[in-house]
Amino acid sequence: MNKIKLVLMSSTISRDARYTVRSNPDFDIQELCEEKCVEENGGYYPYPGDCCSFVVCNRLPSSKGPGKGRVVSNAMRCSVPLVWNTETSSCDFPYRVPECNPACHDDVTQLPINASTPFLIFNESAQCFFDGHYYTVNDFQPECFFLDRREDTQVCCLEGQIFNVSDCCCEWENEPTPLKCDCLIYSWGIAGDLVREYRGVYINTTGVTTRRITDSPDALQSASANFFCFDGEDAVMKIPRFENYNYLDTFSVHFLFQIPDEFENPDTGFVDAPKMGLLTNGCCNKSGTFEMYIEGSQGFLNIITEKEALLEYAFDIEVESLVAGQIMDISISYCAGRLNLVFNGILKETGNPRVLGGRIKSTGCPLTLGSFNDIPGTNFKGCINNLIICQDCWTEFNMILLSFFDVQQAVCNLEG
């Protein structure tokens, strides 16, 4: 089986905090994390005076170099009856941590739980423990599991996956077959000058330059690190093929982008930018029906179909999600009236795509990168690469693999 421990799963459970951490007035969590992150990017550490709790430290990435990003700290609590095991840096059963008295759970406030909520009986063959939480397989739906032994917390894996108790994660039953390639634009792996034509689709460029991003992640080194860079003034890329284009009911887009350090808010460590257009099929100050843009510390999508308009749909559920200097990726697939979005490897809505219905409405405008409907002051300042636009119906698995730069396994053999 092909295993992927989805970030999606951990981000979902990290918000489940039913127990508070015992306060220690003599302990400064942020000070500890600042010290620990001098040579490391983060980790898990014991909480002084409370062996039922632990500290999570994380340094946000920055193109300014190692040790330059903002340090984030947080105190977490192991689920009852588990305690913190310093040797394994994880929550564990008390008998494996004899130096910790599990009574540390006794005097901590438990938040109210619905008394009618049914709890599941522990069954070792159908249950596992990972990252501070219990996972119990649903006997009737092997692709679903219950969180922390509560029947009202069912979560299901992506389509085509099952929950494997041995590995305590969702796994693919079979490798999905790459889709038939029906792509209009494909700039993956460009190592030279700007491409101005692909399979008869012409690209008009103004003021766009290429630049090699030297601080690319290791996974990206196997692909191209040459980005299309926009100056924030008049640099744009326009694709006339999309004027009055028939989008049908299937349309998929993927690309990487980077926002320069000048837009970093020093107080938060995240981007704080004016409205800047990434991609749109609008022009001449007229709104498009497929728009992607940056504003403040988030990215947004607008999509208008024959049946519904979805506006200001954020890439991520976090209010602050964009990091200056970091290479970020976005994949969007509109298939048979259903919308899926993956940002930085995380699926926006697990197993529950937004249903809009109908085709994306056409416009009399080209598809433009680097501006928001030609409105003055909305030109993008930053870089874009690995632009893929297809008439294929990408699955959630296809889009997650794109985040790992595995384009041929994710979409299709575009080189062939």
Protein backbone atom coordinates (compact mmCIF):
# COMPACT_ATOMS: atom_id res chain seq x y z
CA MET A 1 0.00 0.00 0.00
CA ASN A 2 1.02 3.56 -0.59
CA LYS A 3 0.99 5.37 2.76
CA ILE A 4 0.46 9.07 3.30
CA LYS A 5 0.07 10.41 6.83
CA LEU A 6 -2.02 13.42 5.93
CA VAL A 7 -1.30 16.78 7.53
CA LEU A 8 -5.03 17.19 7.24
CA MET A 9 -5.57 14.61 9.97
CA SER A 10 -3.23 16.22 12.47
CA SER A 11 -4.58 19.70 11.80
CA THR A 12 -8.09 18.44 12.51
CA ILE A 13 -7.26 16.79 15.80
CA SER A 14 -5.02 19.54 17.10
CA ARG A 15 -8.10 21.68 17.54
CA ASP A 16 -9.68 19.09 19.86
CA ALA A 17 -8.60 20.37 23.30
CA ARG A 18 -10.87 18.95 26.01
CA TYR A 19 -8.35 19.40 28.80
CA THR A 20 -6.50 22.49 30.00
CA VAL A 21 -2.81 22.51 30.92
CA ARG A 22 -1.97 23.16 34.57
CA SER A 23 -0.48 26.65 34.78
CA ASN A 24 3.12 27.06 35.95
CA PRO A 25 3.81 30.77 36.68
CA ASP A 26 7.57 30.17 36.83
CA PHE A 27 7.72 28.67 33.33
CA ASP A 28 7.89 30.80 30.17
CA ILE A 29 6.83 28.63 27.22
CA GLN A 30 7.93 31.15 24.60
CA GLU A 31 11.36 31.52 26.20
CA LEU A 32 11.85 27.74 26.11
CA CYS A 33 10.89 27.56 22.43
CA GLU A 34 13.14 30.48 21.49
CA GLU A 35 16.03 28.62 23.12
CA LYS A 36 15.16 25.22 21.58
CA CYS A 37 14.73 26.69 18.09
CA VAL A 38 18.19 28.26 17.92
CA GLU A 39 19.59 25.14 16.26
CA GLU A 40 16.34 23.28 15.52
CA ASN A 41 13.16 24.22 13.69
CA GLY A 42 11.00 22.89 16.47
CA GLY A 43 10.02 19.82 18.45
CA TYR A 44 8.13 18.42 21.44
CA TYR A 45 9.39 19.04 24.99
CA PRO A 46 8.24 18.17 28.54
CA TYR A 47 6.21 20.70 30.50
CA PRO A 48 7.93 21.40 33.85
CA GLY A 49 5.92 20.27 36.84
CA ASP A 50 3.21 18.51 34.81
CA CYS A 51 4.08 15.18 33.22
CA CYS A 52 0.60 14.97 31.70
CA SER A 53 1.44 17.93 29.45
CA PHE A 54 4.04 18.87 26.85
CA VAL A 55 5.23 21.88 24.85
CA VAL A 56 5.14 22.20 21.05
CA CYS A 57 7.72 24.54 19.47
CA ASN A 58 7.87 25.46 15.80
CA ARG A 59 9.92 27.97 13.81
CA LEU A 60 8.12 29.27 10.74
CA PRO A 61 10.09 29.07 7.47
CA SER A 62 11.69 32.19 6.02
CA SER A 63 13.77 32.87 2.92
CA LYS A 64 16.02 35.03 5.09
CA GLY A 65 17.76 31.86 6.13
CA PRO A 66 17.84 29.36 9.02
CA GLY A 67 16.87 30.78 12.38
CA LYS A 68 15.14 33.86 10.92
CA GLY A 69 11.48 32.82 11.01
CA ARG A 70 9.11 33.56 13.89
CA VAL A 71 9.00 30.99 16.75
CA VAL A 72 5.54 29.71 17.72
CA SER A 73 4.93 28.01 21.09
CA ASN A 74 1.98 26.09 22.50
CA ALA A 75 1.18 23.91 25.51
CA MET A 76 -0.74 20.69 24.89
CA ARG A 77 -2.13 17.96 27.14
CA CYS A 78 -2.08 14.20 26.73
CA SER A 79 -5.47 12.52 26.59
CA VAL A 80 -6.54 10.61 29.72
CA PRO A 81 -5.01 8.24 30.82
CA LEU A 82 -1.82 8.93 28.87
CA VAL A 83 1.21 10.80 30.19
CA TRP A 84 4.26 12.38 28.58
CA ASN A 85 7.15 10.05 27.72
CA THR A 86 10.34 12.14 27.39
CA GLU A 87 12.32 9.30 25.82
CA THR A 88 9.93 8.86 22.90
CA SER A 89 8.69 12.50 22.83
CA SER A 90 5.09 11.32 22.76
CA CYS A 91 2.10 10.62 24.99
CA ASP A 92 2.24 7.06 26.30
CA PHE A 93 0.61 4.64 28.73
CA PRO A 94 1.54 5.25 32.39
CA TYR A 95 3.12 1.82 32.87
CA ARG A 96 5.78 2.81 30.34
CA VAL A 97 6.58 6.02 32.23
CA PRO A 98 6.91 4.88 35.87
CA GLU A 99 8.43 8.22 36.97
CA CYS A 100 5.16 10.01 36.14
CA ASN A 101 2.15 9.80 38.46
CA PRO A 102 -1.00 9.72 36.25
CA ALA A 103 -2.78 11.56 39.06
CA CYS A 104 -1.56 14.69 37.25
CA HIS A 105 -4.82 14.39 35.32
CA ASP A 106 -6.97 14.53 38.46
CA ASP A 107 -6.83 18.23 39.30
CA VAL A 108 -7.07 19.59 35.77
CA THR A 109 -10.33 21.10 34.58
CA GLN A 110 -12.15 18.98 32.04
CA LEU A 111 -14.30 20.95 29.64
CA PRO A 112 -17.96 19.89 29.52
CA ILE A 113 -18.90 17.07 27.20
CA ASN A 114 -22.40 16.17 26.14
CA ALA A 115 -23.45 13.57 28.71
CA SER A 116 -25.37 11.68 26.07
CA THR A 117 -22.26 11.21 23.91
CA PRO A 118 -21.63 7.44 23.67
CA PHE A 119 -18.06 6.31 24.33
CA LEU A 120 -16.49 3.34 22.58
CA ILE A 121 -15.05 0.42 24.52
CA PHE A 122 -11.31 0.02 24.04
CA ASN A 123 -10.50 -2.76 21.59
CA GLU A 124 -6.80 -3.13 20.90
CA SER A 125 -7.33 -4.89 17.55
CA ALA A 126 -9.46 -2.02 16.23
CA GLN A 127 -7.79 0.90 17.96
CA CYS A 128 -4.43 2.67 17.90
CA PHE A 129 -2.83 5.71 19.47
CA PHE A 130 -0.90 8.44 17.66
CA ASP A 131 0.12 12.03 18.47
CA GLY A 132 -1.93 12.21 21.66
CA HIS A 133 -5.17 10.74 20.30
CA TYR A 134 -7.00 7.41 20.06
CA TYR A 135 -8.21 6.23 16.64
CA THR A 136 -10.93 3.57 16.48
CA VAL A 137 -11.89 1.98 13.15
CA ASN A 138 -15.55 1.92 12.21
CA ASP A 139 -16.36 -1.78 11.72
CA PHE A 140 -18.98 -0.96 9.10
CA GLN A 141 -16.91 1.65 7.23
CA PRO A 142 -13.20 0.71 7.19
CA GLU A 143 -12.37 4.03 5.57
CA CYS A 144 -13.66 5.89 8.66
CA PHE A 145 -12.50 6.12 12.27
CA PHE A 146 -13.63 7.66 15.56
CA LEU A 147 -11.44 10.14 17.40
CA ASP A 148 -10.70 9.66 21.09
CA ARG A 149 -13.26 6.82 21.44
CA ARG A 150 -16.28 9.08 20.88
CA GLU A 151 -18.93 8.10 18.35
CA ASP A 152 -19.74 11.74 17.57
CA THR A 153 -16.24 12.41 16.21
CA GLN A 154 -16.20 10.21 13.10
CA VAL A 155 -13.67 11.21 10.43
CA CYS A 156 -13.31 9.48 7.05
CA CYS A 157 -10.21 9.05 4.92
CA LEU A 158 -10.04 10.26 1.34
CA GLU A 159 -11.85 8.30 -1.34
CA GLY A 160 -9.87 5.15 -2.15
CA GLN A 161 -8.24 4.96 1.30
CA ILE A 162 -8.83 2.80 4.37
CA PHE A 163 -7.69 3.35 7.94
CA ASN A 164 -4.82 1.00 8.87
CA VAL A 165 -4.68 0.32 12.62
CA SER A 166 -1.12 -1.05 12.45
CA ASP A 167 0.25 2.18 11.00
CA CYS A 168 -2.43 4.37 12.64
CA CYS A 169 -3.09 6.35 9.47
CA CYS A 170 -5.08 6.47 6.24
CA GLU A 171 -3.52 4.43 3.44
CA TRP A 172 -4.29 4.01 -0.25
CA GLU A 173 -5.66 0.57 -1.13
CA ASN A 174 -4.30 0.84 -4.66
CA GLU A 175 -2.14 3.27 -6.61
CA PRO A 176 -4.53 5.43 -8.65
CA THR A 177 -4.00 5.26 -12.39
CA PRO A 178 -2.70 8.57 -13.82
CA LEU A 179 -5.39 10.41 -15.72
CA LYS A 180 -5.55 10.81 -19.46
CA CYS A 181 -3.63 13.99 -20.18
CA ASP A 182 -5.85 16.80 -21.43
CA CYS A 183 -3.78 19.81 -20.41
CA LEU A 184 -3.79 23.22 -22.05
CA ILE A 185 -0.83 24.72 -20.21
CA TYR A 186 2.09 22.89 -18.65
CA SER A 187 5.20 24.76 -17.46
CA TRP A 188 6.59 22.07 -15.14
CA GLY A 189 10.35 21.68 -15.36
CA ILE A 190 11.11 24.71 -17.54
CA ALA A 191 14.81 25.35 -17.15
CA GLY A 192 15.36 28.10 -19.72
CA ASP A 193 13.61 31.19 -20.98
CA LEU A 194 9.92 31.94 -20.76
CA VAL A 195 7.73 29.57 -22.73
CA ARG A 196 5.55 31.57 -25.11
CA GLU A 197 3.72 28.64 -26.70
CA TYR A 198 2.61 25.19 -25.59
CA ARG A 199 0.68 22.83 -27.85
CA GLY A 200 -0.58 25.74 -29.91
CA VAL A 201 -1.61 27.80 -26.86
CA TYR A 202 0.18 31.16 -27.02
CA ILE A 203 1.25 33.09 -23.93
CA ASN A 204 1.72 36.86 -24.17
CA THR A 205 4.17 38.17 -21.58
CA THR A 206 4.93 41.75 -20.55
CA GLY A 207 7.73 42.58 -18.15
CA VAL A 208 7.96 39.03 -16.75
CA THR A 209 11.44 37.73 -15.94
CA THR A 210 12.80 34.34 -14.89
CA ARG A 211 14.70 33.84 -11.68
CA ARG A 212 16.14 30.74 -10.05
CA ILE A 213 14.90 30.32 -6.49
CA THR A 214 18.03 29.04 -4.76
CA ASP A 215 16.35 28.30 -1.42
CA SER A 216 13.86 25.84 -2.92
CA PRO A 217 12.93 22.77 -0.85
CA ASP A 218 14.89 19.60 -1.59
CA ALA A 219 11.89 18.00 -3.31
CA LEU A 220 11.79 20.85 -5.77
CA GLN A 221 15.42 20.49 -6.83
CA SER A 222 14.44 17.53 -9.01
CA ALA A 223 12.04 19.79 -10.86
CA SER A 224 12.70 23.27 -12.13
CA ALA A 225 13.54 26.07 -9.74
CA ASN A 226 13.16 28.73 -12.45
CA PHE A 227 10.21 30.95 -11.56
CA PHE A 228 8.27 33.52 -13.58
CA CYS A 229 8.70 36.73 -11.58
CA PHE A 230 6.39 39.75 -11.59
CA ASP A 231 7.47 43.26 -10.55
CA GLY A 232 4.16 44.40 -9.06
CA GLU A 233 3.87 47.23 -11.61
CA ASP A 234 3.09 46.17 -15.16
CA ALA A 235 4.36 42.58 -15.48
CA VAL A 236 1.63 40.15 -16.60
CA MET A 237 1.13 36.92 -18.55
CA LYS A 238 -2.00 36.66 -20.71
CA ILE A 239 -3.33 33.53 -22.44
CA PRO A 240 -5.74 34.55 -25.25
CA ARG A 241 -6.95 30.96 -25.68
CA PHE A 242 -9.34 31.49 -22.75
CA GLU A 243 -11.28 34.34 -24.35
CA ASN A 244 -14.89 33.07 -24.61
CA TYR A 245 -13.55 29.69 -23.56
CA ASN A 246 -15.96 26.80 -22.92
CA TYR A 247 -14.89 25.51 -19.51
CA LEU A 248 -17.31 22.58 -19.69
CA ASP A 249 -17.84 21.13 -16.20
CA THR A 250 -14.21 20.12 -15.63
CA PHE A 251 -11.32 22.50 -15.01
CA SER A 252 -8.17 22.00 -12.91
CA VAL A 253 -5.32 24.39 -12.04
CA HIS A 254 -2.06 24.01 -10.13
CA PHE A 255 0.93 26.30 -9.55
CA LEU A 256 3.60 27.29 -7.03
CA PHE A 257 4.05 30.86 -5.86
CA GLN A 258 6.34 32.88 -3.62
CA ILE A 259 5.71 36.26 -2.01
CA PRO A 260 8.82 38.40 -1.28
CA ASP A 261 10.02 39.17 2.25
CA GLU A 262 9.06 42.83 1.98
CA PHE A 263 5.43 41.81 2.61
CA GLU A 264 6.21 40.07 5.91
CA ASN A 265 4.59 41.56 8.99
CA PRO A 266 7.39 41.62 11.62
CA ASP A 267 4.89 41.29 14.45
CA THR A 268 3.19 38.13 13.17
CA GLY A 269 5.75 36.58 10.82
CA PHE A 270 3.02 36.20 8.16
CA VAL A 271 2.31 38.11 4.97
CA ASP A 272 0.47 41.41 5.11
CA ALA A 273 -0.08 42.42 1.49
CA PRO A 274 -2.43 44.65 -0.49
CA LYS A 275 -4.80 42.96 -2.93
CA MET A 276 -2.69 41.31 -5.63
CA GLY A 277 -4.01 39.13 -8.44
CA LEU A 278 -2.55 35.68 -9.03
CA LEU A 279 -4.83 34.40 -11.81
CA THR A 280 -8.10 35.62 -13.34
CA ASN A 281 -10.27 35.40 -16.44
CA GLY A 282 -11.51 38.95 -15.92
CA CYS A 283 -10.12 42.06 -17.60
CA CYS A 284 -10.60 45.80 -18.20
CA ASN A 285 -11.88 46.33 -14.63
CA LYS A 286 -14.58 43.71 -15.20
CA SER A 287 -14.89 40.78 -12.80
CA GLY A 288 -13.95 37.30 -13.90
CA THR A 289 -15.62 33.99 -13.13
CA PHE A 290 -12.41 32.28 -11.98
CA GLU A 291 -10.20 34.52 -9.84
CA MET A 292 -7.36 33.82 -7.42
CA TYR A 293 -5.79 36.61 -5.41
CA ILE A 294 -3.90 37.57 -2.25
CA GLU A 295 -5.11 40.07 0.30
CA GLY A 296 -3.82 40.63 3.81
CA SER A 297 -2.41 37.33 5.09
CA GLN A 298 -4.59 34.97 3.03
CA GLY A 299 -5.22 33.73 -0.48
CA PHE A 300 -8.75 33.66 -1.94
CA LEU A 301 -10.70 32.07 -4.78
CA ASN A 302 -13.76 33.45 -6.56
CA ILE A 303 -15.61 31.07 -8.88
CA ILE A 304 -18.92 31.70 -10.64
CA THR A 305 -20.80 28.89 -12.33
CA GLU A 306 -24.14 28.63 -14.08
CA LYS A 307 -25.72 27.68 -10.74
CA GLU A 308 -23.85 29.49 -7.98
CA ALA A 309 -21.22 32.11 -7.10
CA LEU A 310 -18.58 31.22 -4.50
CA LEU A 311 -16.75 34.39 -3.44
CA GLU A 312 -13.83 35.08 -1.10
CA TYR A 313 -13.24 31.36 -0.54
CA ALA A 314 -10.01 31.24 1.50
CA PHE A 315 -7.23 28.83 0.53
CA ASP A 316 -6.83 27.77 4.16
CA ILE A 317 -8.97 27.71 7.30
CA GLU A 318 -6.26 29.62 9.16
CA VAL A 319 -6.71 33.39 9.24
CA GLU A 320 -2.96 33.82 8.73
CA SER A 321 -1.78 31.29 6.15
CA LEU A 322 0.72 32.97 3.81
CA VAL A 323 4.42 33.10 4.73
CA ALA A 324 6.78 35.49 2.95
CA GLY A 325 9.76 33.86 1.24
CA GLN A 326 8.19 30.40 1.42
CA ILE A 327 7.33 28.44 -1.73
CA MET A 328 3.62 27.65 -1.47
CA ASP A 329 1.43 25.53 -3.74
CA ILE A 330 -2.23 25.61 -4.67
CA SER A 331 -4.30 23.04 -6.58
CA ILE A 332 -7.94 23.52 -7.56
CA SER A 333 -10.15 21.01 -9.34
CA TYR A 334 -13.70 21.73 -10.46
CA CYS A 335 -15.22 18.44 -11.56
CA ALA A 336 -18.87 17.75 -12.41
CA GLY A 337 -20.03 20.70 -10.33
CA ARG A 338 -17.89 19.83 -7.28
CA LEU A 339 -14.95 21.93 -6.10
CA ASN A 340 -11.85 20.61 -4.29
CA LEU A 341 -8.93 22.77 -3.14
CA VAL A 342 -5.54 21.69 -1.77
CA PHE A 343 -3.21 24.33 -0.30
CA ASN A 344 0.31 23.34 0.78
CA GLY A 345 -0.65 19.66 0.78
CA ILE A 346 -3.76 20.15 2.95
CA LEU A 347 -7.23 19.44 1.62
CA LYS A 348 -9.57 22.34 2.41
CA GLU A 349 -12.71 20.28 3.07
CA THR A 350 -12.09 16.63 3.86
CA GLY A 351 -14.10 14.22 1.73
CA ASN A 352 -16.75 16.91 1.35
CA PRO A 353 -16.13 19.03 -1.75
CA ARG A 354 -18.14 22.19 -2.27
CA VAL A 355 -21.04 21.51 -4.62
CA LEU A 356 -21.69 24.41 -7.00
CA GLY A 357 -23.20 22.81 -10.09
CA GLY A 358 -23.07 23.79 -13.73
CA ARG A 359 -20.18 24.99 -15.86
CA ILE A 360 -17.82 27.83 -15.01
CA LYS A 361 -19.14 30.84 -16.92
CA SER A 362 -17.02 32.02 -19.83
CA THR A 363 -15.81 35.60 -20.25
CA GLY A 364 -14.52 37.62 -23.19
CA CYS A 365 -11.16 38.00 -21.45
CA PRO A 366 -7.88 36.08 -21.65
CA LEU A 367 -6.62 34.17 -18.63
CA THR A 368 -4.21 36.54 -16.85
CA LEU A 369 -1.45 35.84 -14.35
CA GLY A 370 -0.09 38.69 -12.25
CA SER A 371 -3.03 41.10 -12.13
CA PHE A 372 -6.57 41.28 -10.77
CA ASN A 373 -8.84 42.13 -13.69
CA ASP A 374 -6.44 44.87 -14.89
CA ILE A 375 -7.43 47.04 -11.91
CA PRO A 376 -4.64 49.56 -11.16
CA GLY A 377 -2.67 48.76 -8.03
CA THR A 378 -3.49 45.02 -8.01
CA ASN A 379 -0.45 43.71 -9.90
CA PHE A 380 1.24 40.76 -8.23
CA LYS A 381 4.76 41.19 -6.89
CA GLY A 382 6.36 37.78 -6.52
CA CYS A 383 7.11 34.64 -8.48
CA ILE A 384 5.09 31.76 -9.96
CA ASN A 385 6.12 28.40 -11.40
CA ASN A 386 4.89 24.91 -12.31
CA LEU A 387 1.70 26.23 -13.86
CA ILE A 388 -0.57 23.39 -14.99
CA ILE A 389 -4.04 23.98 -16.45
CA CYS A 390 -5.98 20.90 -17.51
CA GLN A 391 -9.43 19.87 -18.62
CA ASP A 392 -8.99 16.79 -16.43
CA CYS A 393 -10.91 15.83 -13.29
CA TRP A 394 -8.18 15.67 -10.63
CA THR A 395 -8.87 13.56 -7.55
CA GLU A 396 -7.88 14.56 -4.02
CA PHE A 397 -4.97 12.12 -4.30
CA ASN A 398 -3.78 13.69 -7.57
CA MET A 399 -3.71 17.13 -5.97
CA ILE A 400 -1.92 16.00 -2.80
CA LEU A 401 0.79 14.32 -4.90
CA LEU A 402 1.23 17.57 -6.83
CA SER A 403 2.13 19.18 -3.50
CA PHE A 404 4.98 16.66 -3.29
CA PHE A 405 6.14 17.67 -6.81
CA ASP A 406 5.27 14.24 -8.22
CA VAL A 407 3.61 15.54 -11.36
CA GLN A 408 3.74 12.45 -13.57
CA GLN A 409 2.25 10.19 -10.92
CA ALA A 410 -0.20 12.87 -9.87
CA VAL A 411 -1.72 13.98 -13.14
CA CYS A 412 -0.45 12.29 -16.29
CA ASN A 413 2.69 11.75 -18.32
CA LEU A 414 2.88 15.28 -19.66
CA GLU A 415 6.29 14.67 -21.17
CA GLY A 416 4.99 11.88 -23.36
